[in-house]
Amino acid sequence: MSAVPRKVVRVRELDLHVASFRDLSIETLYALLRLRVDVFVVEQQCAYPELDGRDTEPGTRHLWFADDDGSPVAYLRLLTDADGTARIGRVVVAAHARGAGLADRLIDAALAETAGRPCVLDAQAHLVDLYARHGFTVVGAEYLDDGIPHVPMARPATS
């Protein structure tokens, strides 16, 4: 049985894209949502309302890397909570692009966008170390979200 060829992502050649909801083309929005659904709903086998209404909020920023053909390979969204705290969410990397450092690069870019504000996120428990590398600490007990262990994390404001 032969292995399926794996697509390789060349990280250094990928450009970071940042856009508000209104600035996303229909094609890009579809591709970003498809990546999120492919991983969070299909791969992780979680039937949940992926479209929660926060993507369209005026302060939301969508950050992603796309491969040479324009397909998103890594994505996150940056929200602003009611108290002004930044919230990172929906961090996702396509299966074929994992291990190339794209999540780290996205988190760095998101933190640069926060302009030093405090930032929070709800990490899948197995990814706590990823976020800890960026200054996040666990601030609450582990809980299950759609059967997947999560941990609330926070990063204080920076100057």
Protein backbone atom coordinates (compact mmCIF):
# COMPACT_ATOMS: atom_id res chain seq x y z
CA MET A 1 0.00 0.00 0.00
CA SER A 2 1.57 3.30 -1.03
CA ALA A 3 1.43 6.43 1.10
CA VAL A 4 -0.51 9.44 -0.09
CA PRO A 5 1.90 12.21 -1.09
CA ARG A 6 1.96 14.97 1.51
CA LYS A 7 1.75 18.56 0.36
CA VAL A 8 4.62 20.57 1.84
CA VAL A 9 4.11 24.17 2.89
CA ARG A 10 7.09 26.49 2.43
CA VAL A 11 6.65 28.71 5.47
CA ARG A 12 9.09 31.48 4.55
CA GLU A 13 7.21 32.19 1.30
CA LEU A 14 3.78 32.61 2.89
CA ASP A 15 2.43 36.11 3.38
CA LEU A 16 0.31 37.04 6.35
CA HIS A 17 -3.17 38.30 5.49
CA VAL A 18 -5.21 40.43 7.91
CA ALA A 19 -8.74 41.60 7.15
CA SER A 20 -11.99 42.65 8.73
CA PHE A 21 -15.12 40.73 7.78
CA ARG A 22 -16.16 43.45 5.32
CA ASP A 23 -12.77 43.27 3.59
CA LEU A 24 -12.94 39.52 2.93
CA SER A 25 -13.90 38.44 -0.57
CA ILE A 26 -16.64 35.85 -0.82
CA GLU A 27 -14.11 33.31 -2.06
CA THR A 28 -11.69 33.98 0.81
CA LEU A 29 -14.45 33.85 3.42
CA TYR A 30 -15.64 30.53 2.03
CA ALA A 31 -12.10 29.11 2.06
CA LEU A 32 -11.45 30.27 5.64
CA LEU A 33 -14.72 28.80 6.90
CA ARG A 34 -14.04 25.59 5.00
CA LEU A 35 -10.65 25.22 6.74
CA ARG A 36 -12.28 25.77 10.13
CA VAL A 37 -15.05 23.26 9.45
CA ASP A 38 -12.62 20.70 7.98
CA VAL A 39 -10.60 20.70 11.21
CA PHE A 40 -12.99 21.60 14.02
CA VAL A 41 -16.12 19.81 12.81
CA VAL A 42 -14.91 17.00 10.54
CA GLU A 43 -11.41 16.06 11.78
CA GLN A 44 -12.20 16.60 15.47
CA GLN A 45 -15.68 15.13 15.03
CA CYS A 46 -17.49 17.95 16.84
CA ALA A 47 -20.89 18.92 15.56
CA TYR A 48 -21.28 22.43 16.95
CA PRO A 49 -22.32 25.88 15.69
CA GLU A 50 -19.02 26.93 14.08
CA LEU A 51 -20.64 30.14 12.84
CA ASP A 52 -21.29 31.95 16.12
CA GLY A 53 -21.86 35.49 14.86
CA ARG A 54 -18.55 36.89 16.11
CA ASP A 55 -16.83 36.73 12.71
CA THR A 56 -18.86 39.71 11.51
CA GLU A 57 -18.27 42.03 14.50
CA PRO A 58 -16.68 45.34 13.43
CA GLY A 59 -13.56 44.86 15.58
CA THR A 60 -12.88 41.27 14.52
CA ARG A 61 -9.70 40.66 12.55
CA HIS A 62 -9.14 37.51 10.50
CA LEU A 63 -5.50 36.49 10.14
CA TRP A 64 -4.32 33.71 7.84
CA PHE A 65 -1.58 32.27 5.71
CA ALA A 66 -2.39 30.95 2.25
CA ASP A 67 -0.38 28.61 0.07
CA ASP A 68 0.77 29.33 -3.48
CA ASP A 69 -2.68 28.70 -4.95
CA GLY A 70 -4.37 31.00 -2.41
CA SER A 71 -5.82 28.26 -0.21
CA PRO A 72 -5.67 29.10 3.50
CA VAL A 73 -3.40 26.75 5.44
CA ALA A 74 -3.51 28.47 8.84
CA TYR A 75 -5.99 30.87 10.40
CA LEU A 76 -7.10 32.59 13.58
CA ARG A 77 -9.54 35.30 14.47
CA LEU A 78 -8.91 38.13 16.86
CA LEU A 79 -11.94 39.46 18.71
CA THR A 80 -12.53 42.29 21.15
CA ASP A 81 -14.59 41.32 24.19
CA ALA A 82 -17.03 43.77 25.78
CA ASP A 83 -14.44 44.92 28.34
CA GLY A 84 -11.86 45.70 25.63
CA THR A 85 -9.81 42.53 26.18
CA ALA A 86 -8.48 40.92 23.02
CA ARG A 87 -9.57 37.31 22.46
CA ILE A 88 -7.76 34.88 20.17
CA GLY A 89 -9.91 32.08 18.81
CA ARG A 90 -10.42 29.52 16.09
CA VAL A 91 -6.67 28.90 15.75
CA VAL A 92 -6.37 26.26 13.07
CA VAL A 93 -3.68 24.80 10.83
CA ALA A 94 -4.48 22.44 7.97
CA ALA A 95 -3.29 18.89 8.63
CA HIS A 96 -0.74 19.00 5.81
CA ALA A 97 0.80 22.25 7.13
CA ARG A 98 1.24 21.33 10.79
CA GLY A 99 4.71 21.39 12.30
CA ALA A 100 5.90 24.30 10.15
CA GLY A 101 5.50 26.98 12.85
CA LEU A 102 2.46 28.64 11.31
CA ALA A 103 0.46 28.71 14.56
CA ASP A 104 3.34 30.47 16.32
CA ARG A 105 3.58 33.02 13.53
CA LEU A 106 -0.16 33.67 13.63
CA ILE A 107 -0.16 34.13 17.40
CA ASP A 108 2.76 36.57 17.16
CA ALA A 109 0.88 38.51 14.49
CA ALA A 110 -2.33 38.54 16.54
CA LEU A 111 -0.47 39.82 19.60
CA ALA A 112 1.07 42.58 17.50
CA GLU A 113 -2.47 43.55 16.45
CA THR A 114 -3.61 43.82 20.09
CA ALA A 115 -1.40 46.88 20.67
CA GLY A 116 -0.43 45.61 24.12
CA ARG A 117 -3.98 45.04 25.44
CA PRO A 118 -4.59 42.07 27.72
CA CYS A 119 -5.46 38.97 25.72
CA VAL A 120 -7.37 35.78 26.54
CA LEU A 121 -8.11 32.49 24.81
CA ASP A 122 -9.56 29.06 25.47
CA ALA A 123 -6.86 26.56 24.52
CA GLN A 124 -7.36 22.94 23.69
CA ALA A 125 -5.55 21.38 26.64
CA HIS A 126 -2.90 19.65 24.53
CA LEU A 127 -1.86 23.07 23.16
CA VAL A 128 -1.18 24.84 26.48
CA ASP A 129 2.59 24.81 25.84
CA LEU A 130 2.12 26.50 22.46
CA TYR A 131 0.34 29.44 24.06
CA ALA A 132 2.66 29.51 27.09
CA ARG A 133 5.54 30.25 24.68
CA HIS A 134 3.71 33.49 23.89
CA GLY A 135 3.23 34.59 27.49
CA PHE A 136 -0.16 33.04 28.22
CA THR A 137 -0.81 31.36 31.57
CA VAL A 138 -3.60 29.05 32.69
CA VAL A 139 -6.20 31.06 34.62
CA GLY A 140 -8.87 28.48 35.34
CA ALA A 141 -9.81 24.83 35.54
CA GLU A 142 -9.85 22.50 32.58
CA TYR A 143 -13.32 21.99 31.09
CA LEU A 144 -14.87 20.05 28.23
CA ASP A 145 -16.10 21.90 25.16
CA ASP A 146 -17.82 19.52 22.76
CA GLY A 147 -15.95 16.64 24.39
CA ILE A 148 -12.50 18.24 23.94
CA PRO A 149 -10.57 19.35 27.06
CA HIS A 150 -9.95 23.12 27.08
CA VAL A 151 -8.16 25.47 29.46
CA PRO A 152 -8.77 29.22 29.86
CA MET A 153 -5.56 31.22 29.42
CA ALA A 154 -4.65 34.88 29.68
CA ARG A 155 -1.77 37.19 28.84
CA PRO A 156 -1.46 40.52 30.64
CA ALA A 157 -1.24 43.86 28.91
CA THR A 158 2.24 44.70 27.65
CA SER A 159 3.92 48.01 27.01
